[in-house]
Amino acid sequence: VAALRFSGRWSKSVFKKKSKELLEELDKAKIKTTGNVFSMRYNGPFTPWFLRRNEVAVPIELES
């Protein structure tokens, strides 16, 4: 799995933007993905927005 970490609030627009960033970086590195991008959110709803930790991730193909 390849992941891109970011802080702040999670929203659909942020998810789309960060997903695009992740996929562009993987494409530059010539790393193939094997599934869909998904999100991971680690903090509770009462955590201040600037302290929240989030990630977008995607399964990747391992070279043998």
C-alpha atoms as a PDB file:
ATOM      1  CA  VAL A   1       0.000   0.000   0.000  1.00  0.00           C
ATOM      2  CA  ALA A   2       1.192   3.496  -0.820  1.00  0.00           C
ATOM      3  CA  ALA A   3      -0.152   6.328   1.340  1.00  0.00           C
ATOM      4  CA  LEU A   4      -0.139  10.111   1.463  1.00  0.00           C
ATOM      5  CA  ARG A   5      -0.524  11.703   4.890  1.00  0.00           C
ATOM      6  CA  PHE A   6      -2.258  15.042   5.420  1.00  0.00           C
ATOM      7  CA  SER A   7      -3.705  17.032   8.288  1.00  0.00           C
ATOM      8  CA  GLY A   8      -6.914  18.991   8.600  1.00  0.00           C
ATOM      9  CA  ARG A   9     -10.544  18.204   8.000  1.00  0.00           C
ATOM     10  CA  TRP A  10     -11.658  15.369   5.753  1.00  0.00           C
ATOM     11  CA  SER A  11     -14.097  16.148   2.930  1.00  0.00           C
ATOM     12  CA  LYS A  12     -14.913  14.697  -0.468  1.00  0.00           C
ATOM     13  CA  SER A  13     -13.095  17.536  -2.206  1.00  0.00           C
ATOM     14  CA  VAL A  14      -9.955  17.064  -0.077  1.00  0.00           C
ATOM     15  CA  PHE A  15     -10.154  13.301  -0.668  1.00  0.00           C
ATOM     16  CA  LYS A  16     -10.295  13.846  -4.452  1.00  0.00           C
ATOM     17  CA  LYS A  17      -7.415  16.353  -4.376  1.00  0.00           C
ATOM     18  CA  LYS A  18      -5.156  14.169  -2.227  1.00  0.00           C
ATOM     19  CA  SER A  19      -6.058  11.038  -4.224  1.00  0.00           C
ATOM     20  CA  LYS A  20      -5.017  12.815  -7.403  1.00  0.00           C
ATOM     21  CA  GLU A  21      -1.719  13.889  -5.774  1.00  0.00           C
ATOM     22  CA  LEU A  22      -0.997  10.331  -4.651  1.00  0.00           C
ATOM     23  CA  LEU A  23      -1.778   8.794  -8.034  1.00  0.00           C
ATOM     24  CA  GLU A  24       0.328  11.400  -9.870  1.00  0.00           C
ATOM     25  CA  GLU A  25       3.337  10.687  -7.633  1.00  0.00           C
ATOM     26  CA  LEU A  26       2.967   6.943  -8.138  1.00  0.00           C
ATOM     27  CA  ASP A  27       2.710   7.456 -11.896  1.00  0.00           C
ATOM     28  CA  LYS A  28       5.912   9.551 -11.883  1.00  0.00           C
ATOM     29  CA  ALA A  29       7.664   6.752  -9.986  1.00  0.00           C
ATOM     30  CA  LYS A  30       6.217   4.173 -12.420  1.00  0.00           C
ATOM     31  CA  ILE A  31       4.497   2.285  -9.600  1.00  0.00           C
ATOM     32  CA  LYS A  32       1.362   0.411 -10.661  1.00  0.00           C
ATOM     33  CA  THR A  33      -1.743   0.418  -8.507  1.00  0.00           C
ATOM     34  CA  THR A  34      -3.908  -2.672  -8.044  1.00  0.00           C
ATOM     35  CA  GLY A  35      -7.054  -1.262  -6.482  1.00  0.00           C
ATOM     36  CA  ASN A  36      -9.027   1.828  -5.568  1.00  0.00           C
ATOM     37  CA  VAL A  37      -7.903   4.754  -3.445  1.00  0.00           C
ATOM     38  CA  PHE A  38      -9.322   4.718   0.073  1.00  0.00           C
ATOM     39  CA  SER A  39      -9.074   6.990   3.096  1.00  0.00           C
ATOM     40  CA  MET A  40      -7.952   6.472   6.670  1.00  0.00           C
ATOM     41  CA  ARG A  41      -8.918   8.895   9.428  1.00  0.00           C
ATOM     42  CA  TYR A  42      -7.312   8.522  12.836  1.00  0.00           C
ATOM     43  CA  ASN A  43      -8.845  11.104  15.159  1.00  0.00           C
ATOM     44  CA  GLY A  44     -12.143  11.557  16.913  1.00  0.00           C
ATOM     45  CA  PRO A  45     -14.644  14.269  16.048  1.00  0.00           C
ATOM     46  CA  PHE A  46     -13.594  16.499  18.947  1.00  0.00           C
ATOM     47  CA  THR A  47      -9.955  16.728  17.842  1.00  0.00           C
ATOM     48  CA  PRO A  48      -9.182  20.249  16.564  1.00  0.00           C
ATOM     49  CA  TRP A  49      -9.007  20.292  12.749  1.00  0.00           C
ATOM     50  CA  PHE A  50      -5.343  21.324  12.688  1.00  0.00           C
ATOM     51  CA  LEU A  51      -4.332  18.302  14.803  1.00  0.00           C
ATOM     52  CA  ARG A  52      -6.218  15.690  12.799  1.00  0.00           C
ATOM     53  CA  ARG A  53      -4.228  13.054  10.910  1.00  0.00           C
ATOM     54  CA  ASN A  54      -5.590  11.568   7.701  1.00  0.00           C
ATOM     55  CA  GLU A  55      -4.242   9.487   4.846  1.00  0.00           C
ATOM     56  CA  VAL A  56      -5.280   8.464   1.379  1.00  0.00           C
ATOM     57  CA  ALA A  57      -3.903   5.101   0.305  1.00  0.00           C
ATOM     58  CA  VAL A  58      -3.994   2.687  -2.612  1.00  0.00           C
ATOM     59  CA  PRO A  59      -2.820  -0.926  -3.019  1.00  0.00           C
ATOM     60  CA  ILE A  60       0.239  -1.200  -5.250  1.00  0.00           C
ATOM     61  CA  GLU A  61       1.843  -3.945  -7.277  1.00  0.00           C
ATOM     62  CA  LEU A  62       5.043  -5.359  -5.822  1.00  0.00           C
ATOM     63  CA  GLU A  63       7.834  -6.079  -8.258  1.00  0.00           C
ATOM     64  CA  SER A  64       9.467  -9.463  -7.885  1.00  0.00           C
END
